[in-house]
Amino acid sequence: MTITTILFDLDGTLTDPKAGITGCIRFSLERLGLTPPHEDHLTWCIGPPLRDSFSRLMNTSDDALLDQALALYRERYSHTGMYENELYPESIPALEKARDAGLRIFLATAKPRVFAVPILDHFDLTQFFHGVHGSELDGRFTNKGELIAHILHTENLDPRTTLMVGDRCHDILGGRGNGILTAAVTYGYGSREEIEEAAPDMVFDALPELTAFLESRALP
């Protein structure tokens, strides 16, 4: 097994966005006149498409109401929420080692790209990435499988030597659906049961474990 390219998820993989994401969800629900759950009961919203999470939270499929919820969320997220975010201590050393091993590194996040780019800049992570890919505000590429297919096509990547790394089932299932290798990390927001059901090719409890594996599998 040789790996030349790695696709990193962002939330729950390189950064811990709990405060910002849950705070913006609560803000949106409150503005809509609803009583929001406590932030600790909203961590399941970190990773999946946000529209799906609001649909479940409000028990609705009304597009107009979901559009309003998303607009309110983004109102706060765009200037405050995206910076209520913490970089995992192991992220920069892991990215440095992956880069030094000669791997091509891309971001693959369901978060809108217009938010992902300034977050990477904020944490000085942009230097490590050959490309930054995320969803669009109009809803395109919120599905992780569609996003990964888009990345493989636009970046002309070989699925046989590409690895998707993430903390939720969406990352693993999206990678598997595109015929690439998948690795789950357990320190994020996916439960052990969720990860096991998604059946990744490998599981790592910490980023140093992942980078040690990558260094041994990268092309010389």
N, C-alpha and C. Protein backbone atom coordinates (compact mmCIF):
# COMPACT_ATOMS: atom_id res chain seq x y z
N MET A 1 0.85 -1.20 0.00
CA MET A 1 0.00 0.00 0.00
C MET A 1 0.88 1.25 0.00
N THR A 2 0.82 2.02 -1.08
CA THR A 2 1.57 3.27 -1.18
C THR A 2 0.59 4.44 -1.18
N ILE A 3 0.93 5.48 -0.44
CA ILE A 3 0.07 6.66 -0.36
C ILE A 3 0.86 7.86 -0.87
N THR A 4 0.25 8.60 -1.79
CA THR A 4 0.89 9.81 -2.33
C THR A 4 0.12 11.07 -1.96
N THR A 5 -1.17 10.89 -1.61
CA THR A 5 -2.05 12.05 -1.40
C THR A 5 -2.93 11.80 -0.19
N ILE A 6 -3.12 12.84 0.61
CA ILE A 6 -3.99 12.73 1.77
C ILE A 6 -5.03 13.85 1.75
N LEU A 7 -6.27 13.48 1.98
CA LEU A 7 -7.38 14.44 2.09
C LEU A 7 -7.74 14.54 3.56
N PHE A 8 -7.60 15.71 4.13
CA PHE A 8 -7.93 15.91 5.54
C PHE A 8 -9.30 16.57 5.68
N ASP A 9 -10.12 16.01 6.54
CA ASP A 9 -11.29 16.72 7.04
C ASP A 9 -10.79 17.85 7.94
N LEU A 10 -11.65 18.80 8.27
CA LEU A 10 -11.23 19.92 9.12
C LEU A 10 -11.79 19.80 10.53
N ASP A 11 -13.12 19.94 10.67
CA ASP A 11 -13.75 19.94 11.98
C ASP A 11 -13.65 18.57 12.64
N GLY A 12 -13.09 18.54 13.84
CA GLY A 12 -12.97 17.28 14.56
C GLY A 12 -11.79 16.45 14.13
N THR A 13 -11.02 16.95 13.16
CA THR A 13 -9.84 16.23 12.68
C THR A 13 -8.58 17.08 12.87
N LEU A 14 -8.62 18.31 12.38
CA LEU A 14 -7.49 19.23 12.59
C LEU A 14 -7.81 20.30 13.63
N THR A 15 -9.08 20.67 13.74
CA THR A 15 -9.49 21.68 14.73
C THR A 15 -10.70 21.19 15.51
N ASP A 16 -10.88 21.79 16.69
CA ASP A 16 -12.05 21.51 17.53
C ASP A 16 -12.97 22.72 17.47
N PRO A 17 -14.05 22.64 16.68
CA PRO A 17 -14.92 23.80 16.45
C PRO A 17 -16.16 23.84 17.33
N LYS A 18 -16.16 23.07 18.41
CA LYS A 18 -17.39 22.89 19.20
C LYS A 18 -18.03 24.22 19.60
N ALA A 19 -17.26 25.11 20.20
CA ALA A 19 -17.84 26.36 20.72
C ALA A 19 -18.50 27.17 19.62
N GLY A 20 -17.83 27.30 18.48
CA GLY A 20 -18.37 28.12 17.40
C GLY A 20 -19.59 27.52 16.74
N ILE A 21 -19.53 26.24 16.42
CA ILE A 21 -20.65 25.60 15.72
C ILE A 21 -21.88 25.51 16.62
N THR A 22 -21.70 25.04 17.84
CA THR A 22 -22.86 24.91 18.71
C THR A 22 -23.41 26.27 19.10
N GLY A 23 -22.53 27.26 19.28
CA GLY A 23 -22.99 28.60 19.62
C GLY A 23 -23.81 29.22 18.51
N CYS A 24 -23.42 28.97 17.26
CA CYS A 24 -24.15 29.54 16.12
C CYS A 24 -25.46 28.81 15.89
N ILE A 25 -25.49 27.52 16.15
CA ILE A 25 -26.76 26.78 16.05
C ILE A 25 -27.73 27.30 17.10
N ARG A 26 -27.25 27.49 18.31
CA ARG A 26 -28.11 28.00 19.38
C ARG A 26 -28.61 29.41 19.05
N PHE A 27 -27.73 30.24 18.51
CA PHE A 27 -28.11 31.60 18.10
C PHE A 27 -29.23 31.55 17.07
N SER A 28 -29.09 30.69 16.07
CA SER A 28 -30.08 30.58 15.01
C SER A 28 -31.43 30.13 15.55
N LEU A 29 -31.41 29.10 16.38
CA LEU A 29 -32.67 28.58 16.92
C LEU A 29 -33.36 29.61 17.81
N GLU A 30 -32.57 30.31 18.62
CA GLU A 30 -33.15 31.34 19.49
C GLU A 30 -33.79 32.46 18.67
N ARG A 31 -33.13 32.87 17.59
CA ARG A 31 -33.67 33.93 16.74
C ARG A 31 -34.96 33.48 16.05
N LEU A 32 -35.12 32.18 15.89
CA LEU A 32 -36.34 31.64 15.29
C LEU A 32 -37.42 31.36 16.33
N GLY A 33 -37.14 31.73 17.58
CA GLY A 33 -38.13 31.57 18.63
C GLY A 33 -38.17 30.19 19.25
N LEU A 34 -37.12 29.41 19.05
CA LEU A 34 -37.07 28.05 19.58
C LEU A 34 -36.10 27.98 20.75
N THR A 35 -36.32 27.01 21.62
CA THR A 35 -35.42 26.79 22.75
C THR A 35 -34.33 25.81 22.32
N PRO A 36 -33.09 26.27 22.26
CA PRO A 36 -32.02 25.39 21.76
C PRO A 36 -31.54 24.40 22.82
N PRO A 37 -31.08 23.24 22.40
CA PRO A 37 -30.46 22.30 23.34
C PRO A 37 -29.16 22.88 23.89
N HIS A 38 -28.70 22.32 24.99
CA HIS A 38 -27.39 22.69 25.54
C HIS A 38 -26.32 22.33 24.52
N GLU A 39 -25.22 23.07 24.54
CA GLU A 39 -24.16 22.84 23.55
C GLU A 39 -23.64 21.40 23.56
N ASP A 40 -23.63 20.77 24.73
CA ASP A 40 -23.14 19.39 24.81
C ASP A 40 -24.06 18.41 24.11
N HIS A 41 -25.29 18.83 23.86
CA HIS A 41 -26.25 17.97 23.16
C HIS A 41 -26.32 18.30 21.67
N LEU A 42 -25.38 19.12 21.21
CA LEU A 42 -25.35 19.51 19.80
C LEU A 42 -24.08 19.05 19.08
N THR A 43 -23.24 18.30 19.77
CA THR A 43 -21.98 17.90 19.15
C THR A 43 -22.18 16.96 17.96
N TRP A 44 -23.32 16.29 17.90
CA TRP A 44 -23.60 15.41 16.75
C TRP A 44 -23.75 16.23 15.47
N CYS A 45 -23.94 17.54 15.60
CA CYS A 45 -24.08 18.41 14.43
C CYS A 45 -22.73 18.76 13.81
N ILE A 46 -21.64 18.42 14.48
CA ILE A 46 -20.31 18.75 13.97
C ILE A 46 -19.88 17.68 12.97
N GLY A 47 -19.86 18.04 11.71
CA GLY A 47 -19.46 17.10 10.67
C GLY A 47 -20.47 16.93 9.57
N PRO A 48 -21.72 16.55 9.89
CA PRO A 48 -22.72 16.35 8.83
C PRO A 48 -23.12 17.67 8.18
N PRO A 49 -23.76 17.62 7.01
CA PRO A 49 -24.27 18.85 6.39
C PRO A 49 -25.19 19.59 7.35
N LEU A 50 -24.95 20.88 7.50
CA LEU A 50 -25.67 21.68 8.49
C LEU A 50 -27.17 21.74 8.21
N ARG A 51 -27.53 21.76 6.95
CA ARG A 51 -28.96 21.80 6.60
C ARG A 51 -29.68 20.57 7.15
N ASP A 52 -29.03 19.41 7.04
CA ASP A 52 -29.62 18.18 7.57
C ASP A 52 -29.77 18.26 9.09
N SER A 53 -28.79 18.87 9.75
CA SER A 53 -28.85 18.99 11.21
C SER A 53 -30.00 19.90 11.62
N PHE A 54 -30.17 21.02 10.93
CA PHE A 54 -31.29 21.91 11.26
C PHE A 54 -32.63 21.23 10.98
N SER A 55 -32.70 20.46 9.92
CA SER A 55 -33.93 19.75 9.61
C SER A 55 -34.32 18.81 10.75
N ARG A 56 -33.32 18.14 11.29
CA ARG A 56 -33.57 17.22 12.41
C ARG A 56 -33.89 18.00 13.69
N LEU A 57 -33.15 19.06 13.95
CA LEU A 57 -33.37 19.84 15.17
C LEU A 57 -34.76 20.47 15.21
N MET A 58 -35.22 20.94 14.06
CA MET A 58 -36.51 21.64 14.00
C MET A 58 -37.64 20.75 13.53
N ASN A 59 -37.29 19.49 13.22
CA ASN A 59 -38.28 18.53 12.75
C ASN A 59 -39.08 19.09 11.58
N THR A 60 -38.35 19.57 10.57
CA THR A 60 -39.01 20.17 9.42
C THR A 60 -38.21 19.90 8.15
N SER A 61 -38.92 19.89 7.03
CA SER A 61 -38.27 19.83 5.72
C SER A 61 -38.64 21.06 4.90
N ASP A 62 -39.18 22.07 5.58
CA ASP A 62 -39.59 23.32 4.93
C ASP A 62 -38.35 24.06 4.45
N ASP A 63 -38.18 24.17 3.14
CA ASP A 63 -36.96 24.78 2.59
C ASP A 63 -36.80 26.23 3.01
N ALA A 64 -37.90 26.97 3.07
CA ALA A 64 -37.81 28.39 3.44
C ALA A 64 -37.33 28.54 4.88
N LEU A 65 -37.84 27.70 5.76
CA LEU A 65 -37.43 27.76 7.16
C LEU A 65 -35.98 27.32 7.33
N LEU A 66 -35.58 26.30 6.60
CA LEU A 66 -34.20 25.84 6.67
C LEU A 66 -33.24 26.88 6.10
N ASP A 67 -33.66 27.56 5.04
CA ASP A 67 -32.84 28.65 4.48
C ASP A 67 -32.65 29.75 5.52
N GLN A 68 -33.72 30.06 6.25
CA GLN A 68 -33.65 31.10 7.27
C GLN A 68 -32.72 30.69 8.40
N ALA A 69 -32.82 29.43 8.82
CA ALA A 69 -31.95 28.93 9.88
C ALA A 69 -30.48 29.00 9.47
N LEU A 70 -30.19 28.61 8.23
CA LEU A 70 -28.82 28.66 7.73
C LEU A 70 -28.31 30.10 7.64
N ALA A 71 -29.17 31.00 7.20
CA ALA A 71 -28.76 32.40 7.07
C ALA A 71 -28.42 32.99 8.44
N LEU A 72 -29.21 32.67 9.45
CA LEU A 72 -28.95 33.17 10.80
C LEU A 72 -27.66 32.56 11.35
N TYR A 73 -27.47 31.29 11.11
CA TYR A 73 -26.23 30.62 11.54
C TYR A 73 -25.03 31.33 10.92
N ARG A 74 -25.08 31.54 9.62
CA ARG A 74 -23.94 32.14 8.92
C ARG A 74 -23.73 33.60 9.31
N GLU A 75 -24.81 34.27 9.71
CA GLU A 75 -24.70 35.65 10.16
C GLU A 75 -23.72 35.75 11.33
N ARG A 76 -23.85 34.85 12.28
CA ARG A 76 -22.95 34.87 13.44
C ARG A 76 -21.62 34.18 13.14
N TYR A 77 -21.68 33.09 12.36
CA TYR A 77 -20.48 32.31 12.11
C TYR A 77 -19.44 33.10 11.33
N SER A 78 -19.88 33.92 10.39
CA SER A 78 -18.96 34.60 9.48
C SER A 78 -18.05 35.60 10.17
N HIS A 79 -18.48 36.15 11.31
CA HIS A 79 -17.62 37.14 11.98
C HIS A 79 -17.19 36.72 13.38
N THR A 80 -17.85 35.72 13.95
CA THR A 80 -17.52 35.31 15.32
C THR A 80 -17.29 33.80 15.43
N GLY A 81 -18.27 33.03 14.99
CA GLY A 81 -18.26 31.59 15.25
C GLY A 81 -17.08 30.84 14.68
N MET A 82 -16.63 31.22 13.49
CA MET A 82 -15.55 30.42 12.89
C MET A 82 -14.23 30.60 13.62
N TYR A 83 -14.12 31.66 14.43
CA TYR A 83 -12.91 31.85 15.21
C TYR A 83 -13.04 31.32 16.64
N GLU A 84 -14.24 30.86 17.01
CA GLU A 84 -14.43 30.17 18.29
C GLU A 84 -14.06 28.70 18.04
N ASN A 85 -12.80 28.48 17.88
CA ASN A 85 -12.28 27.25 17.31
C ASN A 85 -10.89 27.03 17.89
N GLU A 86 -10.53 25.79 18.15
CA GLU A 86 -9.21 25.50 18.70
C GLU A 86 -8.47 24.51 17.81
N LEU A 87 -7.20 24.78 17.60
CA LEU A 87 -6.36 23.89 16.82
C LEU A 87 -5.88 22.76 17.72
N TYR A 88 -6.07 21.52 17.28
CA TYR A 88 -5.53 20.41 18.05
C TYR A 88 -4.00 20.54 18.10
N PRO A 89 -3.39 20.33 19.26
CA PRO A 89 -1.94 20.53 19.39
C PRO A 89 -1.10 19.70 18.42
N GLU A 90 -1.62 18.53 18.04
CA GLU A 90 -0.85 17.64 17.17
C GLU A 90 -1.00 17.97 15.68
N SER A 91 -1.87 18.92 15.34
CA SER A 91 -2.19 19.14 13.93
C SER A 91 -1.00 19.66 13.13
N ILE A 92 -0.33 20.69 13.62
CA ILE A 92 0.79 21.24 12.85
C ILE A 92 1.94 20.25 12.73
N PRO A 93 2.36 19.58 13.81
CA PRO A 93 3.40 18.56 13.63
C PRO A 93 3.01 17.47 12.64
N ALA A 94 1.74 17.08 12.65
CA ALA A 94 1.29 16.04 11.72
C ALA A 94 1.36 16.53 10.28
N LEU A 95 0.92 17.75 10.05
CA LEU A 95 0.97 18.31 8.70
C LEU A 95 2.41 18.51 8.23
N GLU A 96 3.27 18.93 9.14
CA GLU A 96 4.68 19.10 8.79
C GLU A 96 5.30 17.78 8.36
N LYS A 97 5.01 16.72 9.11
CA LYS A 97 5.59 15.42 8.79
C LYS A 97 5.02 14.87 7.48
N ALA A 98 3.73 15.09 7.26
CA ALA A 98 3.13 14.64 6.00
C ALA A 98 3.75 15.37 4.82
N ARG A 99 3.94 16.67 4.97
CA ARG A 99 4.58 17.46 3.91
C ARG A 99 6.02 17.01 3.68
N ASP A 100 6.75 16.80 4.77
CA ASP A 100 8.16 16.42 4.66
C ASP A 100 8.32 15.02 4.07
N ALA A 101 7.26 14.20 4.20
CA ALA A 101 7.29 12.86 3.61
C ALA A 101 6.99 12.89 2.12
N GLY A 102 6.70 14.09 1.60
CA GLY A 102 6.45 14.23 0.17
C GLY A 102 5.01 14.03 -0.25
N LEU A 103 4.10 13.98 0.72
CA LEU A 103 2.69 13.79 0.40
C LEU A 103 2.05 15.07 -0.12
N ARG A 104 1.12 14.92 -1.05
CA ARG A 104 0.29 16.05 -1.46
C ARG A 104 -0.89 16.10 -0.50
N ILE A 105 -1.19 17.27 0.03
CA ILE A 105 -2.19 17.42 1.08
C ILE A 105 -3.30 18.35 0.60
N PHE A 106 -4.54 17.89 0.75
CA PHE A 106 -5.71 18.69 0.37
C PHE A 106 -6.70 18.71 1.52
N LEU A 107 -7.43 19.81 1.63
CA LEU A 107 -8.51 19.88 2.60
C LEU A 107 -9.80 19.43 1.92
N ALA A 108 -10.55 18.59 2.62
CA ALA A 108 -11.84 18.10 2.11
C ALA A 108 -12.87 18.25 3.22
N THR A 109 -13.54 19.39 3.26
CA THR A 109 -14.48 19.68 4.33
C THR A 109 -15.86 20.01 3.77
N ALA A 110 -16.89 19.56 4.49
CA ALA A 110 -18.26 19.90 4.10
C ALA A 110 -18.59 21.34 4.48
N LYS A 111 -17.71 21.97 5.25
CA LYS A 111 -17.88 23.38 5.59
C LYS A 111 -17.73 24.21 4.32
N PRO A 112 -18.52 25.27 4.16
CA PRO A 112 -18.33 26.12 2.98
C PRO A 112 -16.89 26.60 2.85
N ARG A 113 -16.39 26.54 1.63
CA ARG A 113 -15.00 26.91 1.38
C ARG A 113 -14.71 28.36 1.80
N VAL A 114 -15.71 29.23 1.69
CA VAL A 114 -15.50 30.64 2.05
C VAL A 114 -15.21 30.79 3.54
N PHE A 115 -15.56 29.80 4.35
CA PHE A 115 -15.22 29.82 5.77
C PHE A 115 -13.95 29.01 6.04
N ALA A 116 -13.76 27.93 5.29
CA ALA A 116 -12.60 27.07 5.52
C ALA A 116 -11.29 27.81 5.24
N VAL A 117 -11.26 28.61 4.19
CA VAL A 117 -10.03 29.32 3.82
C VAL A 117 -9.56 30.26 4.93
N PRO A 118 -10.42 31.15 5.47
CA PRO A 118 -9.93 32.02 6.55
C PRO A 118 -9.60 31.27 7.84
N ILE A 119 -10.24 30.13 8.08
CA ILE A 119 -9.89 29.34 9.27
C ILE A 119 -8.48 28.80 9.13
N LEU A 120 -8.15 28.27 7.96
CA LEU A 120 -6.77 27.80 7.73
C LEU A 120 -5.78 28.94 7.87
N ASP A 121 -6.13 30.10 7.32
CA ASP A 121 -5.25 31.26 7.44
C ASP A 121 -5.06 31.66 8.90
N HIS A 122 -6.16 31.64 9.66
CA HIS A 122 -6.14 32.03 11.07
C HIS A 122 -5.17 31.18 11.87
N PHE A 123 -5.12 29.89 11.56
CA PHE A 123 -4.25 28.97 12.29
C PHE A 123 -2.91 28.74 11.58
N ASP A 124 -2.65 29.50 10.51
CA ASP A 124 -1.41 29.39 9.75
C ASP A 124 -1.22 27.98 9.18
N LEU A 125 -2.30 27.41 8.67
CA LEU A 125 -2.25 26.06 8.11
C LEU A 125 -2.23 26.04 6.59
N THR A 126 -2.54 27.16 5.96
CA THR A 126 -2.65 27.19 4.50
C THR A 126 -1.37 26.72 3.82
N GLN A 127 -0.24 27.00 4.44
CA GLN A 127 1.07 26.65 3.86
C GLN A 127 1.22 25.16 3.58
N PHE A 128 0.45 24.32 4.27
CA PHE A 128 0.62 22.88 4.14
C PHE A 128 -0.22 22.27 3.01
N PHE A 129 -1.17 23.02 2.47
CA PHE A 129 -2.15 22.44 1.56
C PHE A 129 -1.88 22.79 0.10
N HIS A 130 -1.97 21.76 -0.73
CA HIS A 130 -1.89 21.96 -2.18
C HIS A 130 -3.21 22.49 -2.73
N GLY A 131 -4.29 22.28 -2.00
CA GLY A 131 -5.59 22.78 -2.42
C GLY A 131 -6.58 22.72 -1.28
N VAL A 132 -7.55 23.63 -1.29
CA VAL A 132 -8.56 23.70 -0.24
C VAL A 132 -9.93 23.52 -0.89
N HIS A 133 -10.63 22.46 -0.50
CA HIS A 133 -11.92 22.16 -1.09
C HIS A 133 -12.98 22.06 0.00
N GLY A 134 -14.12 22.68 -0.26
CA GLY A 134 -15.24 22.63 0.67
C GLY A 134 -16.53 22.74 -0.10
N SER A 135 -17.62 22.85 0.63
CA SER A 135 -18.92 23.00 -0.02
C SER A 135 -19.10 24.44 -0.49
N GLU A 136 -20.18 24.66 -1.24
CA GLU A 136 -20.53 26.00 -1.68
C GLU A 136 -21.78 26.46 -0.92
N LEU A 137 -21.96 27.75 -0.81
CA LEU A 137 -23.10 28.28 -0.05
C LEU A 137 -24.44 27.90 -0.67
N ASP A 138 -24.43 27.54 -1.95
CA ASP A 138 -25.69 27.13 -2.60
C ASP A 138 -26.01 25.66 -2.35
N GLY A 139 -25.19 24.97 -1.55
CA GLY A 139 -25.47 23.59 -1.19
C GLY A 139 -24.66 22.56 -1.95
N ARG A 140 -23.96 22.97 -2.99
CA ARG A 140 -23.14 22.00 -3.72
C ARG A 140 -22.00 21.48 -2.85
N PHE A 141 -21.74 20.20 -2.99
CA PHE A 141 -20.63 19.51 -2.33
C PHE A 141 -20.76 19.42 -0.81
N THR A 142 -21.99 19.57 -0.28
CA THR A 142 -22.17 19.30 1.15
C THR A 142 -22.13 17.79 1.41
N ASN A 143 -22.46 17.00 0.39
CA ASN A 143 -22.33 15.55 0.49
C ASN A 143 -20.85 15.19 0.33
N LYS A 144 -20.29 14.48 1.31
CA LYS A 144 -18.85 14.23 1.31
C LYS A 144 -18.42 13.37 0.12
N GLY A 145 -19.26 12.44 -0.29
CA GLY A 145 -18.92 11.63 -1.45
C GLY A 145 -18.81 12.46 -2.71
N GLU A 146 -19.74 13.39 -2.90
CA GLU A 146 -19.70 14.27 -4.07
C GLU A 146 -18.49 15.19 -4.01
N LEU A 147 -18.16 15.66 -2.81
CA LEU A 147 -17.00 16.53 -2.65
C LEU A 147 -15.72 15.78 -3.01
N ILE A 148 -15.57 14.57 -2.50
CA ILE A 148 -14.36 13.79 -2.78
C ILE A 148 -14.26 13.48 -4.27
N ALA A 149 -15.38 13.14 -4.90
CA ALA A 149 -15.36 12.89 -6.35
C ALA A 149 -14.90 14.13 -7.10
N HIS A 150 -15.37 15.29 -6.66
CA HIS A 150 -14.97 16.57 -7.26
C HIS A 150 -13.47 16.80 -7.11
N ILE A 151 -12.94 16.51 -5.92
CA ILE A 151 -11.51 16.71 -5.68
C ILE A 151 -10.68 15.77 -6.54
N LEU A 152 -11.06 14.51 -6.58
CA LEU A 152 -10.32 13.54 -7.39
C LEU A 152 -10.27 13.97 -8.85
N HIS A 153 -11.39 14.49 -9.35
CA HIS A 153 -11.46 14.90 -10.75
C HIS A 153 -10.67 16.18 -11.01
N THR A 154 -10.92 17.20 -10.21
CA THR A 154 -10.30 18.50 -10.48
C THR A 154 -8.80 18.50 -10.21
N GLU A 155 -8.35 17.69 -9.25
CA GLU A 155 -6.92 17.64 -8.92
C GLU A 155 -6.21 16.50 -9.64
N ASN A 156 -6.96 15.72 -10.42
CA ASN A 156 -6.39 14.60 -11.18
C ASN A 156 -5.63 13.64 -10.27
N LEU A 157 -6.31 13.18 -9.21
CA LEU A 157 -5.69 12.31 -8.22
C LEU A 157 -5.96 10.84 -8.54
N ASP A 158 -5.03 10.00 -8.16
CA ASP A 158 -5.17 8.56 -8.33
C ASP A 158 -5.87 7.99 -7.09
N PRO A 159 -7.08 7.47 -7.22
CA PRO A 159 -7.80 6.94 -6.06
C PRO A 159 -7.02 5.84 -5.33
N ARG A 160 -6.21 5.10 -6.06
CA ARG A 160 -5.50 3.96 -5.47
C ARG A 160 -4.43 4.39 -4.47
N THR A 161 -3.98 5.65 -4.56
CA THR A 161 -2.92 6.12 -3.66
C THR A 161 -3.36 7.33 -2.84
N THR A 162 -4.69 7.51 -2.73
CA THR A 162 -5.25 8.65 -2.01
C THR A 162 -5.93 8.17 -0.73
N LEU A 163 -5.71 8.88 0.36
CA LEU A 163 -6.27 8.52 1.67
C LEU A 163 -7.12 9.66 2.20
N MET A 164 -8.36 9.34 2.62
CA MET A 164 -9.24 10.31 3.28
C MET A 164 -9.15 10.10 4.78
N VAL A 165 -8.91 11.18 5.53
CA VAL A 165 -8.81 11.11 6.99
C VAL A 165 -9.89 12.00 7.60
N GLY A 166 -10.71 11.42 8.47
CA GLY A 166 -11.76 12.20 9.12
C GLY A 166 -12.27 11.52 10.37
N ASP A 167 -13.17 12.21 11.07
CA ASP A 167 -13.66 11.70 12.35
C ASP A 167 -15.10 11.22 12.32
N ARG A 168 -15.80 11.41 11.20
CA ARG A 168 -17.21 11.03 11.13
C ARG A 168 -17.45 10.00 10.02
N CYS A 169 -18.60 9.34 10.11
CA CYS A 169 -18.93 8.32 9.12
C CYS A 169 -19.01 8.90 7.71
N HIS A 170 -19.40 10.17 7.60
CA HIS A 170 -19.53 10.80 6.29
C HIS A 170 -18.19 10.83 5.56
N ASP A 171 -17.10 11.03 6.32
CA ASP A 171 -15.77 11.04 5.72
C ASP A 171 -15.41 9.65 5.19
N ILE A 172 -15.70 8.65 6.00
CA ILE A 172 -15.33 7.28 5.64
C ILE A 172 -16.20 6.76 4.50
N LEU A 173 -17.50 6.94 4.61
CA LEU A 173 -18.40 6.46 3.56
C LEU A 173 -18.16 7.21 2.25
N GLY A 174 -17.88 8.51 2.35
CA GLY A 174 -17.58 9.29 1.15
C GLY A 174 -16.33 8.81 0.46
N GLY A 175 -15.31 8.47 1.25
CA GLY A 175 -14.08 7.95 0.68
C GLY A 175 -14.27 6.57 0.07
N ARG A 176 -14.95 5.70 0.81
CA ARG A 176 -15.17 4.34 0.30
C ARG A 176 -15.98 4.36 -0.99
N GLY A 177 -16.95 5.27 -1.06
CA GLY A 177 -17.78 5.36 -2.26
C GLY A 177 -17.01 5.80 -3.49
N ASN A 178 -15.84 6.39 -3.27
CA ASN A 178 -15.00 6.83 -4.38
C ASN A 178 -13.78 5.94 -4.59
N GLY A 179 -13.76 4.82 -3.87
CA GLY A 179 -12.69 3.85 -4.08
C GLY A 179 -11.34 4.25 -3.56
N ILE A 180 -11.30 5.15 -2.55
CA ILE A 180 -10.01 5.54 -1.98
C ILE A 180 -9.86 4.93 -0.59
N LEU A 181 -8.64 4.96 -0.09
CA LEU A 181 -8.37 4.47 1.25
C LEU A 181 -8.98 5.41 2.28
N THR A 182 -9.35 4.88 3.43
CA THR A 182 -9.98 5.71 4.46
C THR A 182 -9.36 5.44 5.82
N ALA A 183 -9.23 6.51 6.60
CA ALA A 183 -8.72 6.41 7.96
C ALA A 183 -9.61 7.24 8.88
N ALA A 184 -10.04 6.65 9.97
CA ALA A 184 -10.84 7.37 10.95
C ALA A 184 -9.97 7.73 12.15
N VAL A 185 -10.20 8.92 12.70
CA VAL A 185 -9.55 9.32 13.95
C VAL A 185 -10.62 9.33 15.04
N THR A 186 -10.25 8.85 16.22
CA THR A 186 -11.25 8.63 17.27
C THR A 186 -11.37 9.78 18.26
N TYR A 187 -10.52 10.81 18.14
CA TYR A 187 -10.54 11.89 19.12
C TYR A 187 -11.54 12.99 18.76
N GLY A 188 -12.19 12.87 17.59
CA GLY A 188 -13.12 13.90 17.14
C GLY A 188 -14.53 13.67 17.65
N TYR A 189 -15.52 13.82 16.76
CA TYR A 189 -16.91 13.80 17.20
C TYR A 189 -17.70 12.58 16.73
N GLY A 190 -17.05 11.65 16.08
CA GLY A 190 -17.71 10.41 15.73
C GLY A 190 -17.53 9.39 16.85
N SER A 191 -18.60 8.72 17.22
CA SER A 191 -18.49 7.70 18.27
C SER A 191 -17.75 6.48 17.74
N ARG A 192 -17.26 5.67 18.65
CA ARG A 192 -16.58 4.44 18.25
C ARG A 192 -17.53 3.55 17.45
N GLU A 193 -18.79 3.50 17.87
CA GLU A 193 -19.77 2.68 17.15
C GLU A 193 -19.99 3.20 15.73
N GLU A 194 -20.10 4.52 15.60
CA GLU A 194 -20.29 5.12 14.27
C GLU A 194 -19.11 4.80 13.36
N ILE A 195 -17.91 4.91 13.90
CA ILE A 195 -16.71 4.63 13.11
C ILE A 195 -16.66 3.17 12.70
N GLU A 196 -16.94 2.27 13.62
CA GLU A 196 -16.89 0.85 13.31
C GLU A 196 -17.91 0.48 12.24
N GLU A 197 -19.10 1.07 12.30
CA GLU A 197 -20.13 0.78 11.31
C GLU A 197 -19.74 1.28 9.92
N ALA A 198 -18.98 2.38 9.88
CA ALA A 198 -18.55 2.93 8.59
C ALA A 198 -17.44 2.08 7.96
N ALA A 199 -16.77 1.28 8.77
CA ALA A 199 -15.74 0.33 8.31
C ALA A 199 -14.59 0.99 7.54
N PRO A 200 -13.84 1.87 8.20
CA PRO A 200 -12.66 2.46 7.54
C PRO A 200 -11.56 1.41 7.36
N ASP A 201 -10.62 1.71 6.49
CA ASP A 201 -9.50 0.80 6.28
C ASP A 201 -8.58 0.77 7.49
N MET A 202 -8.54 1.87 8.23
CA MET A 202 -7.68 1.94 9.41
C MET A 202 -8.25 2.94 10.40
N VAL A 203 -7.88 2.80 11.66
CA VAL A 203 -8.35 3.67 12.73
C VAL A 203 -7.15 4.12 13.55
N PHE A 204 -7.11 5.43 13.87
CA PHE A 204 -6.03 5.97 14.68
C PHE A 204 -6.62 6.75 15.85
N ASP A 205 -6.03 6.55 17.02
CA ASP A 205 -6.50 7.25 18.21
C ASP A 205 -5.87 8.63 18.38
N ALA A 206 -4.79 8.89 17.64
CA ALA A 206 -4.10 10.18 17.75
C ALA A 206 -3.38 10.47 16.44
N LEU A 207 -3.18 11.75 16.15
CA LEU A 207 -2.52 12.13 14.90
C LEU A 207 -1.09 11.61 14.78
N PRO A 208 -0.30 11.55 15.86
CA PRO A 208 1.05 10.99 15.70
C PRO A 208 1.04 9.55 15.18
N GLU A 209 0.01 8.77 15.54
CA GLU A 209 -0.10 7.40 15.02
C GLU A 209 -0.31 7.44 13.51
N LEU A 210 -1.14 8.36 13.07
CA LEU A 210 -1.41 8.50 11.64
C LEU A 210 -0.15 8.90 10.89
N THR A 211 0.58 9.89 11.40
CA THR A 211 1.75 10.37 10.67
C THR A 211 2.85 9.31 10.62
N ALA A 212 2.99 8.52 11.67
CA ALA A 212 3.97 7.44 11.64
C ALA A 212 3.62 6.44 10.54
N PHE A 213 2.34 6.16 10.40
CA PHE A 213 1.89 5.27 9.34
C PHE A 213 2.16 5.88 7.97
N LEU A 214 1.84 7.16 7.81
CA LEU A 214 2.03 7.83 6.52
C LEU A 214 3.49 7.86 6.11
N GLU A 215 4.37 8.12 7.07
CA GLU A 215 5.80 8.17 6.75
C GLU A 215 6.31 6.83 6.24
N SER A 216 5.69 5.76 6.73
CA SER A 216 6.13 4.43 6.30
C SER A 216 5.53 4.01 4.97
N ARG A 217 4.46 4.73 4.55
CA ARG A 217 3.76 4.34 3.32
C ARG A 217 3.93 5.33 2.18
N ALA A 218 4.54 6.47 2.45
CA ALA A 218 4.70 7.47 1.40
C ALA A 218 5.78 7.04 0.41
N LEU A 219 5.65 7.52 -0.82
CA LEU A 219 6.67 7.24 -1.83
C LEU A 219 8.00 7.85 -1.40
N PRO A 220 9.11 7.15 -1.60
CA PRO A 220 10.41 7.71 -1.23
C PRO A 220 10.77 8.89 -2.11
